[in-house]
């Protein structure tokens, strides 16, 4: 059974590693994992409130050795970018962790990326550390500067899914669409389905744009 929310226990590292790209329901998954006791869960949104987090990731993006225990100290799970770009390294550091690969219809995923995170005002990477990190890990590091090329971006998305399936032992991997709800997620994690709790469906396009604007203010 997962640790109960709000119960302080000695931190023993990540228990869940999210390997799915952003805009595959990762914010909903973050909240679902926290509801199940695998919290707090690290997500890109953590960078806006966690002092020093952007500096940590920017250094990692630049090739500096990663102190993953320092990055994820106190967290039970990690999903979304930037963590998903390093799922293989995290599997080595946290060998007991289970891996969640969130998937989505490729066309809908691409349209979501282009209309949300790619539309967030992007300061000059030379002037903004956060923009520099995002550019290094996502737009250049993952999509080779070709995110506006739909066919190329979708090919990268699909290639990543197949790579994760090859790299992660089947018994440690759940390929998961958040539309499937609680049942497959809870079965994989070995916890009960929350009674009377609807699965969280958060961070849709309108919600994302609203939150992004608030973070820019």
C-alpha atoms as a PDB file:
ATOM      1  CA  UNK A   1       0.000   0.000   0.000  1.00  0.00           C
ATOM      2  CA  UNK A   2       1.231   3.485  -0.787  1.00  0.00           C
ATOM      3  CA  UNK A   3       2.261   5.853   1.980  1.00  0.00           C
ATOM      4  CA  UNK A   4      -0.699   7.832   3.223  1.00  0.00           C
ATOM      5  CA  UNK A   5      -0.817  11.530   2.268  1.00  0.00           C
ATOM      6  CA  UNK A   6       0.360  13.817   5.012  1.00  0.00           C
ATOM      7  CA  UNK A   7       2.279  11.132   6.894  1.00  0.00           C
ATOM      8  CA  UNK A   8       5.930  12.084   7.300  1.00  0.00           C
ATOM      9  CA  UNK A   9       8.288   9.182   6.617  1.00  0.00           C
ATOM     10  CA  UNK A  10      11.992   8.919   5.945  1.00  0.00           C
ATOM     11  CA  UNK A  11      12.552   9.721   2.284  1.00  0.00           C
ATOM     12  CA  UNK A  12      13.815   6.731   0.319  1.00  0.00           C
ATOM     13  CA  UNK A  13      13.860   8.136  -3.202  1.00  0.00           C
ATOM     14  CA  UNK A  14      11.464   8.120  -6.116  1.00  0.00           C
ATOM     15  CA  UNK A  15       8.900   5.345  -6.234  1.00  0.00           C
ATOM     16  CA  UNK A  16       7.376   6.352  -9.570  1.00  0.00           C
ATOM     17  CA  UNK A  17       9.166   7.684 -12.655  1.00  0.00           C
ATOM     18  CA  UNK A  18       7.079   9.279 -15.398  1.00  0.00           C
ATOM     19  CA  UNK A  19       8.599   8.684 -18.821  1.00  0.00           C
ATOM     20  CA  UNK A  20       5.815  10.282 -20.855  1.00  0.00           C
ATOM     21  CA  UNK A  21       6.263  13.608 -22.612  1.00  0.00           C
ATOM     22  CA  UNK A  22       4.457  16.696 -21.392  1.00  0.00           C
ATOM     23  CA  UNK A  23       0.871  17.204 -22.632  1.00  0.00           C
ATOM     24  CA  UNK A  24       0.032  13.515 -22.198  1.00  0.00           C
ATOM     25  CA  UNK A  25      -2.030  14.095 -19.063  1.00  0.00           C
ATOM     26  CA  UNK A  26       0.961  14.524 -16.779  1.00  0.00           C
ATOM     27  CA  UNK A  27      -0.643  17.208 -14.597  1.00  0.00           C
ATOM     28  CA  UNK A  28      -3.693  15.009 -14.069  1.00  0.00           C
ATOM     29  CA  UNK A  29      -1.336  12.123 -13.306  1.00  0.00           C
ATOM     30  CA  UNK A  30       0.585  14.247 -10.799  1.00  0.00           C
ATOM     31  CA  UNK A  31      -2.609  14.906  -8.878  1.00  0.00           C
ATOM     32  CA  UNK A  32      -3.742  11.289  -9.158  1.00  0.00           C
ATOM     33  CA  UNK A  33      -0.442  10.015  -7.767  1.00  0.00           C
ATOM     34  CA  UNK A  34      -0.619  12.447  -4.890  1.00  0.00           C
ATOM     35  CA  UNK A  35      -4.157  11.296  -4.131  1.00  0.00           C
ATOM     36  CA  UNK A  36      -2.862   7.709  -4.024  1.00  0.00           C
ATOM     37  CA  UNK A  37      -0.111   8.585  -1.557  1.00  0.00           C
ATOM     38  CA  UNK A  38       2.802   8.926  -3.990  1.00  0.00           C
ATOM     39  CA  UNK A  39       3.317  12.554  -3.206  1.00  0.00           C
ATOM     40  CA  UNK A  40       4.574  15.078  -3.497  1.00  0.00           C
ATOM     41  CA  UNK A  41       4.998  14.494  -7.219  1.00  0.00           C
ATOM     42  CA  UNK A  42       7.551  16.529  -9.180  1.00  0.00           C
ATOM     43  CA  UNK A  43       6.247  18.247 -12.340  1.00  0.00           C
ATOM     44  CA  UNK A  44       7.427  21.159 -14.469  1.00  0.00           C
ATOM     45  CA  UNK A  45       5.134  23.388 -12.399  1.00  0.00           C
ATOM     46  CA  UNK A  46       7.359  22.744  -9.370  1.00  0.00           C
ATOM     47  CA  UNK A  47      10.099  24.847 -10.934  1.00  0.00           C
ATOM     48  CA  UNK A  48       8.101  28.035 -10.452  1.00  0.00           C
ATOM     49  CA  UNK A  49       7.905  27.624  -6.673  1.00  0.00           C
ATOM     50  CA  UNK A  50      11.040  25.661  -5.768  1.00  0.00           C
ATOM     51  CA  UNK A  51      14.071  27.932  -5.255  1.00  0.00           C
ATOM     52  CA  UNK A  52      17.115  26.746  -7.152  1.00  0.00           C
ATOM     53  CA  UNK A  53      15.245  24.164  -9.232  1.00  0.00           C
ATOM     54  CA  UNK A  54      15.744  25.940 -12.546  1.00  0.00           C
ATOM     55  CA  UNK A  55      19.448  26.339 -11.804  1.00  0.00           C
ATOM     56  CA  UNK A  56      19.697  22.602 -11.080  1.00  0.00           C
ATOM     57  CA  UNK A  57      18.073  21.630 -14.361  1.00  0.00           C
ATOM     58  CA  UNK A  58      19.947  24.192 -16.417  1.00  0.00           C
ATOM     59  CA  UNK A  59      23.233  22.784 -15.121  1.00  0.00           C
ATOM     60  CA  UNK A  60      22.095  19.231 -15.922  1.00  0.00           C
ATOM     61  CA  UNK A  61      21.037  20.337 -19.399  1.00  0.00           C
ATOM     62  CA  UNK A  62      24.516  21.759 -19.860  1.00  0.00           C
ATOM     63  CA  UNK A  63      26.132  18.422 -19.054  1.00  0.00           C
ATOM     64  CA  UNK A  64      26.939  18.886 -15.386  1.00  0.00           C
ATOM     65  CA  UNK A  65      26.816  15.737 -13.220  1.00  0.00           C
ATOM     66  CA  UNK A  66      23.328  15.359 -11.761  1.00  0.00           C
ATOM     67  CA  UNK A  67      22.763  14.909  -8.044  1.00  0.00           C
ATOM     68  CA  UNK A  68      19.340  13.324  -8.467  1.00  0.00           C
ATOM     69  CA  UNK A  69      18.810  12.905  -4.742  1.00  0.00           C
ATOM     70  CA  UNK A  70      19.221  16.655  -4.342  1.00  0.00           C
ATOM     71  CA  UNK A  71      16.898  17.409  -7.265  1.00  0.00           C
ATOM     72  CA  UNK A  72      14.103  15.161  -6.010  1.00  0.00           C
ATOM     73  CA  UNK A  73      14.662  15.360  -2.267  1.00  0.00           C
ATOM     74  CA  UNK A  74      11.354  14.713  -0.521  1.00  0.00           C
ATOM     75  CA  UNK A  75       9.486  13.735  -3.699  1.00  0.00           C
ATOM     76  CA  UNK A  76       7.928  10.294  -4.172  1.00  0.00           C
ATOM     77  CA  UNK A  77       7.256  10.593  -7.909  1.00  0.00           C
ATOM     78  CA  UNK A  78       8.299  12.648 -10.941  1.00  0.00           C
ATOM     79  CA  UNK A  79       6.362  13.189 -14.163  1.00  0.00           C
ATOM     80  CA  UNK A  80       6.420  15.568 -17.133  1.00  0.00           C
ATOM     81  CA  UNK A  81       9.386  17.496 -18.482  1.00  0.00           C
ATOM     82  CA  UNK A  82      12.156  17.961 -17.541  1.00  0.00           C
ATOM     83  CA  UNK A  83      12.273  14.681 -15.567  1.00  0.00           C
ATOM     84  CA  UNK A  84      10.905  12.474 -18.356  1.00  0.00           C
ATOM     85  CA  UNK A  85      13.909  13.334 -20.548  1.00  0.00           C
ATOM     86  CA  UNK A  86      16.135  11.554 -18.015  1.00  0.00           C
ATOM     87  CA  UNK A  87      14.022   8.499 -17.210  1.00  0.00           C
ATOM     88  CA  UNK A  88      16.860   6.084 -18.011  1.00  0.00           C
ATOM     89  CA  UNK A  89      19.256   7.784 -15.588  1.00  0.00           C
ATOM     90  CA  UNK A  90      16.536   7.879 -12.935  1.00  0.00           C
ATOM     91  CA  UNK A  91      15.910   4.157 -13.344  1.00  0.00           C
ATOM     92  CA  UNK A  92      19.560   3.537 -12.519  1.00  0.00           C
ATOM     93  CA  UNK A  93      19.462   5.712  -9.403  1.00  0.00           C
ATOM     94  CA  UNK A  94      16.073   4.411  -8.233  1.00  0.00           C
ATOM     95  CA  UNK A  95      16.014   0.773  -9.388  1.00  0.00           C
ATOM     96  CA  UNK A  96      12.950  -0.095  -7.308  1.00  0.00           C
ATOM     97  CA  UNK A  97      10.832   2.621  -8.913  1.00  0.00           C
ATOM     98  CA  UNK A  98       8.024   1.789 -11.300  1.00  0.00           C
ATOM     99  CA  UNK A  99       7.797   3.592 -14.643  1.00  0.00           C
ATOM    100  CA  UNK A 100       4.663   5.214 -16.044  1.00  0.00           C
ATOM    101  CA  UNK A 101       4.609   5.967 -19.760  1.00  0.00           C
ATOM    102  CA  UNK A 102       1.703   8.285 -20.470  1.00  0.00           C
ATOM    103  CA  UNK A 103       0.513   8.196 -24.064  1.00  0.00           C
ATOM    104  CA  UNK A 104      -2.020  10.068 -26.151  1.00  0.00           C
ATOM    105  CA  UNK A 105      -3.300  10.219 -29.706  1.00  0.00           C
ATOM    106  CA  UNK A 106      -0.269  11.687 -31.560  1.00  0.00           C
ATOM    107  CA  UNK A 107      -2.269  14.272 -33.517  1.00  0.00           C
ATOM    108  CA  UNK A 108      -4.037  15.532 -30.391  1.00  0.00           C
ATOM    109  CA  UNK A 109      -0.754  15.529 -28.465  1.00  0.00           C
ATOM    110  CA  UNK A 110       0.929  17.668 -31.111  1.00  0.00           C
ATOM    111  CA  UNK A 111      -1.912  20.171 -31.306  1.00  0.00           C
ATOM    112  CA  UNK A 112      -1.882  20.429 -27.515  1.00  0.00           C
ATOM    113  CA  UNK A 113       1.861  21.121 -27.411  1.00  0.00           C
ATOM    114  CA  UNK A 114       1.683  23.739 -30.142  1.00  0.00           C
ATOM    115  CA  UNK A 115      -1.305  25.524 -28.610  1.00  0.00           C
ATOM    116  CA  UNK A 116      -0.079  25.475 -25.000  1.00  0.00           C
ATOM    117  CA  UNK A 117       3.542  25.129 -23.894  1.00  0.00           C
ATOM    118  CA  UNK A 118       4.925  26.269 -27.240  1.00  0.00           C
ATOM    119  CA  UNK A 119       2.790  29.419 -27.044  1.00  0.00           C
ATOM    120  CA  UNK A 120       3.974  30.456 -23.593  1.00  0.00           C
ATOM    121  CA  UNK A 121       6.017  33.678 -24.026  1.00  0.00           C
ATOM    122  CA  UNK A 122       9.603  32.557 -24.452  1.00  0.00           C
ATOM    123  CA  UNK A 123      12.228  35.072 -23.343  1.00  0.00           C
ATOM    124  CA  UNK A 124      15.569  35.039 -25.080  1.00  0.00           C
ATOM    125  CA  UNK A 125      17.382  31.920 -23.773  1.00  0.00           C
ATOM    126  CA  UNK A 126      20.475  34.093 -23.439  1.00  0.00           C
ATOM    127  CA  UNK A 127      18.630  36.309 -20.952  1.00  0.00           C
ATOM    128  CA  UNK A 128      16.332  33.879 -19.114  1.00  0.00           C
ATOM    129  CA  UNK A 129      17.687  30.848 -17.277  1.00  0.00           C
ATOM    130  CA  UNK A 130      14.321  29.069 -17.362  1.00  0.00           C
ATOM    131  CA  UNK A 131      13.961  29.662 -21.104  1.00  0.00           C
ATOM    132  CA  UNK A 132      17.518  28.462 -21.632  1.00  0.00           C
ATOM    133  CA  UNK A 133      16.800  25.242 -19.736  1.00  0.00           C
ATOM    134  CA  UNK A 134      13.498  24.571 -21.521  1.00  0.00           C
ATOM    135  CA  UNK A 135      15.089  25.228 -24.877  1.00  0.00           C
ATOM    136  CA  UNK A 136      18.047  22.952 -24.108  1.00  0.00           C
ATOM    137  CA  UNK A 137      15.989  20.017 -22.792  1.00  0.00           C
ATOM    138  CA  UNK A 138      12.779  20.224 -24.827  1.00  0.00           C
ATOM    139  CA  UNK A 139      12.872  22.285 -27.995  1.00  0.00           C
ATOM    140  CA  UNK A 140      16.483  21.525 -28.941  1.00  0.00           C
ATOM    141  CA  UNK A 141      17.367  18.497 -26.840  1.00  0.00           C
ATOM    142  CA  UNK A 142      14.239  16.497 -27.634  1.00  0.00           C
ATOM    143  CA  UNK A 143      12.947  17.940 -30.903  1.00  0.00           C
ATOM    144  CA  UNK A 144      16.200  19.166 -32.482  1.00  0.00           C
ATOM    145  CA  UNK A 145      14.722  22.611 -33.018  1.00  0.00           C
ATOM    146  CA  UNK A 146      12.023  21.165 -35.297  1.00  0.00           C
ATOM    147  CA  UNK A 147       8.890  21.227 -33.121  1.00  0.00           C
ATOM    148  CA  UNK A 148       7.106  23.300 -35.781  1.00  0.00           C
ATOM    149  CA  UNK A 149       7.609  20.419 -38.223  1.00  0.00           C
ATOM    150  CA  UNK A 150       4.546  18.384 -37.290  1.00  0.00           C
ATOM    151  CA  UNK A 151       5.626  15.136 -38.939  1.00  0.00           C
ATOM    152  CA  UNK A 152       9.057  15.307 -37.367  1.00  0.00           C
ATOM    153  CA  UNK A 153       7.707  16.103 -33.894  1.00  0.00           C
ATOM    154  CA  UNK A 154       5.180  13.274 -34.017  1.00  0.00           C
ATOM    155  CA  UNK A 155       7.892  10.891 -35.198  1.00  0.00           C
ATOM    156  CA  UNK A 156      10.008  11.867 -32.162  1.00  0.00           C
ATOM    157  CA  UNK A 157       6.983  11.344 -29.908  1.00  0.00           C
ATOM    158  CA  UNK A 158       6.302   7.864 -31.279  1.00  0.00           C
ATOM    159  CA  UNK A 159       9.979   6.914 -31.280  1.00  0.00           C
ATOM    160  CA  UNK A 160      10.203   7.888 -27.606  1.00  0.00           C
ATOM    161  CA  UNK A 161       7.273   5.625 -26.750  1.00  0.00           C
ATOM    162  CA  UNK A 162       8.879   2.649 -28.487  1.00  0.00           C
ATOM    163  CA  UNK A 163      12.229   3.385 -26.869  1.00  0.00           C
ATOM    164  CA  UNK A 164      10.716   3.391 -23.389  1.00  0.00           C
ATOM    165  CA  UNK A 165       9.017   0.070 -24.104  1.00  0.00           C
ATOM    166  CA  UNK A 166      12.389  -1.377 -25.109  1.00  0.00           C
ATOM    167  CA  UNK A 167      14.352   0.071 -22.212  1.00  0.00           C
ATOM    168  CA  UNK A 168      12.022  -0.617 -19.287  1.00  0.00           C
ATOM    169  CA  UNK A 169      11.392  -4.185 -18.100  1.00  0.00           C
ATOM    170  CA  UNK A 170       7.763  -5.075 -18.786  1.00  0.00           C
ATOM    171  CA  UNK A 171       7.014  -5.839 -15.139  1.00  0.00           C
ATOM    172  CA  UNK A 172       8.073  -2.327 -14.132  1.00  0.00           C
ATOM    173  CA  UNK A 173       6.244  -0.465 -16.910  1.00  0.00           C
ATOM    174  CA  UNK A 174       2.686   0.734 -17.365  1.00  0.00           C
ATOM    175  CA  UNK A 175       1.799   2.242 -20.734  1.00  0.00           C
ATOM    176  CA  UNK A 176      -1.082   4.427 -19.709  1.00  0.00           C
ATOM    177  CA  UNK A 177      -3.668   6.818 -21.118  1.00  0.00           C
ATOM    178  CA  UNK A 178      -5.149   8.966 -18.347  1.00  0.00           C
ATOM    179  CA  UNK A 179      -8.560   8.435 -19.966  1.00  0.00           C
ATOM    180  CA  UNK A 180      -8.365   4.907 -18.535  1.00  0.00           C
ATOM    181  CA  UNK A 181      -8.855   6.334 -15.052  1.00  0.00           C
ATOM    182  CA  UNK A 182      -8.017   4.802 -11.709  1.00  0.00           C
ATOM    183  CA  UNK A 183      -8.243   1.064 -12.327  1.00  0.00           C
ATOM    184  CA  UNK A 184      -5.104   0.276 -14.368  1.00  0.00           C
ATOM    185  CA  UNK A 185      -3.047   2.842 -12.457  1.00  0.00           C
ATOM    186  CA  UNK A 186      -4.051   1.487  -9.046  1.00  0.00           C
ATOM    187  CA  UNK A 187      -3.575  -2.119 -10.127  1.00  0.00           C
ATOM    188  CA  UNK A 188      -0.062  -1.313 -11.352  1.00  0.00           C
ATOM    189  CA  UNK A 189       0.886   0.525  -8.175  1.00  0.00           C
ATOM    190  CA  UNK A 190      -0.735  -2.012  -5.886  1.00  0.00           C
ATOM    191  CA  UNK A 191      -3.156   0.370  -4.201  1.00  0.00           C
ATOM    192  CA  UNK A 192      -6.926   0.539  -3.885  1.00  0.00           C
ATOM    193  CA  UNK A 193      -9.089   2.728  -6.087  1.00  0.00           C
ATOM    194  CA  UNK A 194     -10.074   5.811  -4.058  1.00  0.00           C
ATOM    195  CA  UNK A 195     -13.678   5.441  -2.985  1.00  0.00           C
ATOM    196  CA  UNK A 196     -15.930   8.168  -4.280  1.00  0.00           C
ATOM    197  CA  UNK A 197     -13.084  10.089  -5.921  1.00  0.00           C
ATOM    198  CA  UNK A 198     -13.294  11.087  -9.567  1.00  0.00           C
ATOM    199  CA  UNK A 199     -10.042  10.777 -11.480  1.00  0.00           C
ATOM    200  CA  UNK A 200      -8.539  14.267 -11.872  1.00  0.00           C
ATOM    201  CA  UNK A 201      -8.708  15.701 -15.388  1.00  0.00           C
ATOM    202  CA  UNK A 202      -6.719  18.900 -15.095  1.00  0.00           C
ATOM    203  CA  UNK A 203      -4.580  21.277 -17.100  1.00  0.00           C
ATOM    204  CA  UNK A 204      -6.650  21.168 -20.274  1.00  0.00           C
ATOM    205  CA  UNK A 205      -5.897  23.816 -22.869  1.00  0.00           C
ATOM    206  CA  UNK A 206      -7.963  26.601 -21.294  1.00  0.00           C
ATOM    207  CA  UNK A 207      -6.714  25.873 -17.786  1.00  0.00           C
ATOM    208  CA  UNK A 208      -3.122  25.744 -18.987  1.00  0.00           C
ATOM    209  CA  UNK A 209      -3.314  29.112 -20.729  1.00  0.00           C
ATOM    210  CA  UNK A 210      -4.839  30.694 -17.627  1.00  0.00           C
ATOM    211  CA  UNK A 211      -2.169  29.267 -15.323  1.00  0.00           C
ATOM    212  CA  UNK A 212       0.639  30.202 -17.710  1.00  0.00           C
ATOM    213  CA  UNK A 213      -0.559  33.794 -17.794  1.00  0.00           C
ATOM    214  CA  UNK A 214      -0.605  33.938 -14.001  1.00  0.00           C
ATOM    215  CA  UNK A 215       2.968  32.633 -13.847  1.00  0.00           C
ATOM    216  CA  UNK A 216       4.092  35.286 -16.311  1.00  0.00           C
ATOM    217  CA  UNK A 217       2.569  38.099 -14.232  1.00  0.00           C
END
